Protein backbone atom coordinates (compact mmCIF):
# COMPACT_ATOMS: atom_id res chain seq x y z
CA UNK A 1 43.20 24.96 16.13
CA UNK A 2 42.48 29.09 16.50
CA UNK A 3 41.27 31.42 14.43
CA UNK A 4 44.29 32.94 13.60
CA UNK A 5 46.21 29.46 13.28
CA UNK A 6 43.13 28.43 10.85
CA UNK A 7 43.96 32.10 8.93
CA UNK A 8 47.78 31.78 8.78
CA UNK A 9 46.86 28.43 7.31
CA UNK A 10 44.37 29.43 4.56
CA UNK A 11 47.02 32.50 3.48
CA UNK A 12 49.49 30.08 3.12
CA UNK A 13 47.48 27.42 1.35
CA UNK A 14 46.15 30.55 -1.21
CA UNK A 15 49.66 31.51 -1.73
CA UNK A 16 51.13 28.21 -2.69
CA UNK A 17 48.13 27.85 -4.96
CA UNK A 18 49.52 31.35 -6.40
CA UNK A 19 52.86 30.60 -6.32
CA UNK A 20 52.12 27.52 -8.96
CA UNK A 21 49.75 29.52 -11.79
CA UNK A 22 52.57 31.93 -11.28
CA UNK A 23 55.07 29.29 -12.23
CA UNK A 24 52.35 26.97 -14.64
CA UNK A 25 52.18 30.63 -16.78
CA UNK A 26 55.82 31.79 -16.77
CA UNK A 27 57.30 28.79 -18.43
CA UNK A 28 57.63 30.73 -21.88
CA UNK A 29 58.63 34.13 -20.64
CA UNK A 30 61.62 35.43 -21.94
CA UNK A 31 60.82 38.54 -20.22
CA UNK A 32 58.52 40.17 -17.92
CA UNK A 33 58.95 43.42 -15.88
CA UNK A 34 56.66 45.58 -14.29
CA UNK A 35 57.35 49.75 -13.30
CA UNK A 36 55.45 50.82 -10.80
CA UNK A 37 53.63 54.14 -11.60
CA UNK A 38 53.60 57.31 -9.03
CA UNK A 39 50.99 57.14 -6.70
CA UNK A 40 49.87 60.72 -7.93
CA UNK A 41 49.39 59.86 -11.76
CA UNK A 42 51.73 58.78 -14.44
CA UNK A 43 52.94 62.18 -16.41
CA UNK A 44 52.48 62.23 -19.83
CA UNK A 45 56.42 63.25 -20.06
CA UNK A 46 57.35 59.84 -17.96
CA UNK A 47 58.89 57.10 -20.34
CA UNK A 48 59.09 53.74 -18.83
CA UNK A 49 61.91 51.60 -20.45
CA UNK A 50 62.50 47.83 -21.14
CA UNK A 51 65.58 46.41 -21.90
CA UNK A 52 64.93 42.80 -23.93
CA UNK A 53 67.14 40.06 -24.64
CA UNK A 54 66.96 37.94 -27.62
CA UNK A 55 69.20 35.31 -28.32
CA UNK A 56 66.84 32.76 -30.12
CA UNK A 57 66.02 34.60 -33.67
CA UNK A 58 64.48 31.50 -35.09
CA UNK A 59 61.61 31.22 -33.02
CA UNK A 60 58.55 33.38 -33.48
CA UNK A 61 57.43 35.78 -30.22
CA UNK A 62 54.21 37.08 -28.62
CA UNK A 63 54.59 40.85 -27.01
CA UNK A 64 52.23 41.60 -24.56
CA UNK A 65 51.87 45.39 -22.41
CA UNK A 66 50.68 44.44 -19.02
CA UNK A 67 48.62 47.27 -17.31
CA UNK A 68 47.45 47.22 -13.59
CA UNK A 69 45.11 50.13 -12.75
CA UNK A 70 42.70 50.90 -9.76
CA UNK A 71 39.08 51.61 -9.91
CA UNK A 72 39.70 55.77 -10.18
CA UNK A 73 41.18 55.25 -13.82
CA UNK A 74 39.05 57.68 -15.24
CA UNK A 75 39.00 56.36 -18.64
CA UNK A 76 37.14 52.99 -20.58
CA UNK A 77 40.59 53.32 -22.60
CA UNK A 78 44.08 53.62 -22.97
CA UNK A 79 46.36 54.67 -25.93
CA UNK A 80 49.89 54.40 -25.57
CA UNK A 81 52.69 55.09 -27.65
CA UNK A 82 55.62 52.53 -27.88
CA UNK A 83 59.10 52.78 -29.35
CA UNK A 84 61.13 49.57 -30.10
CA UNK A 85 64.80 50.01 -30.91
CA UNK A 86 67.82 47.50 -31.50
CA UNK A 87 70.42 48.37 -29.44
CA UNK A 88 73.38 49.73 -30.88
CA UNK A 89 71.12 50.59 -34.05
CA UNK A 90 69.69 53.64 -35.01
CA UNK A 91 66.39 52.81 -36.26
CA UNK A 92 63.48 52.86 -34.24
CA UNK A 93 59.95 51.48 -34.85
CA UNK A 94 57.37 54.07 -33.18
CA UNK A 95 53.78 52.23 -32.47
CA UNK A 96 50.70 53.79 -30.93
CA UNK A 97 48.21 51.40 -29.49
CA UNK A 98 44.40 51.82 -28.23
CA UNK A 99 43.11 49.11 -26.44
CA UNK A 100 39.88 48.96 -23.83
CA UNK A 101 40.18 48.53 -19.74
CA UNK A 102 36.64 48.69 -19.13
CA UNK A 103 33.49 47.58 -20.99
CA UNK A 104 30.29 50.16 -21.85
CA UNK A 105 29.17 49.92 -18.88
CA UNK A 106 32.57 50.68 -16.88
CA UNK A 107 32.75 47.08 -15.85
CA UNK A 108 36.15 46.54 -15.66
CA UNK A 109 38.04 44.00 -18.12
CA UNK A 110 41.01 41.85 -17.56
CA UNK A 111 41.46 40.53 -13.92
CA UNK A 112 41.45 41.43 -10.42
CA UNK A 113 41.42 41.15 -6.95
CA UNK A 114 40.12 43.94 -4.51
CA UNK A 115 40.56 47.51 -6.56
CA UNK A 116 43.48 46.74 -8.86
CA UNK A 117 42.51 44.92 -11.90
CA UNK A 118 45.12 43.91 -14.37
CA UNK A 119 44.82 43.61 -18.45
CA UNK A 120 47.61 41.95 -20.63
CA UNK A 121 47.04 43.40 -24.15
CA UNK A 122 48.74 41.75 -27.18
CA UNK A 123 50.87 44.31 -28.90
CA UNK A 124 53.25 41.95 -31.14
CA UNK A 125 51.52 38.60 -32.16
CA UNK A 126 53.90 35.71 -33.53
CA UNK A 127 56.81 38.22 -34.44
CA UNK A 128 60.68 37.56 -35.16
CA UNK A 129 63.13 39.39 -34.20
CA UNK A 130 65.98 39.64 -36.56
CA UNK A 131 68.65 39.90 -34.68
CA UNK A 132 70.28 38.71 -31.78
CA UNK A 133 70.88 41.15 -28.75
CA UNK A 134 68.92 43.67 -26.58
CA UNK A 135 65.55 45.50 -27.65
CA UNK A 136 64.58 48.63 -25.96
CA UNK A 137 60.89 49.28 -25.35
CA UNK A 138 59.90 52.95 -24.45
CA UNK A 139 56.25 53.65 -23.48
CA UNK A 140 54.55 56.57 -22.50
CA UNK A 141 50.83 56.94 -22.68
CA UNK A 142 48.96 59.07 -25.44
CA UNK A 143 45.78 60.38 -23.28
CA UNK A 144 45.13 63.57 -23.03
CA UNK A 145 45.76 63.94 -19.30
CA UNK A 146 48.66 65.62 -18.64
CA UNK A 147 49.08 63.47 -15.47
CA UNK A 148 47.03 59.95 -15.88
CA UNK A 149 45.85 58.43 -12.53
CA UNK A 150 44.24 55.48 -11.95
CA UNK A 151 47.08 53.14 -12.69
CA UNK A 152 49.38 51.33 -10.08
CA UNK A 153 51.61 49.76 -12.80
CA UNK A 154 52.67 49.28 -16.63
CA UNK A 155 54.75 46.32 -17.73
CA UNK A 156 55.70 44.56 -21.05
CA UNK A 157 56.17 40.68 -21.48
CA UNK A 158 57.71 38.60 -24.34
CA UNK A 159 57.06 35.05 -24.07
CA UNK A 160 58.10 32.42 -26.89
CA UNK A 161 55.84 30.79 -28.89
CA UNK A 162 56.52 26.88 -29.00
CA UNK A 163 57.23 25.73 -32.14
């Protein structure tokens, strides 16, 4: 077996491991979606929208915000504004969250490969949705930068908790 075939075989092996890992983690996910942030940065007026279909109101859920950032992200933390609305309802809930992407020494938290790091942030724990239907989450950054550099993707994940 030549060197190229060995590399292909190793890459296939790692891809299979990665797929198995994602499958085992995604068993309780009701919703999981990322939006790519523009290469030149996340504008303060850019809103990322996630429409989550909730069918089961008798179950509790965890809601996560997932951030993928690059090494050039200039801050230790991130502020996000989150607006949650049941589609068809006029009442919205507005939240502000702050979380850390790096420790005091600048070491990135979460997991990463190369220069991209992924940080899941628990936004809501063990919540119940009052009625079935579509819930819209709108995310904007709350940093002082008008263009926030170093963010690759911003995502939302809703997982059903085992009862």
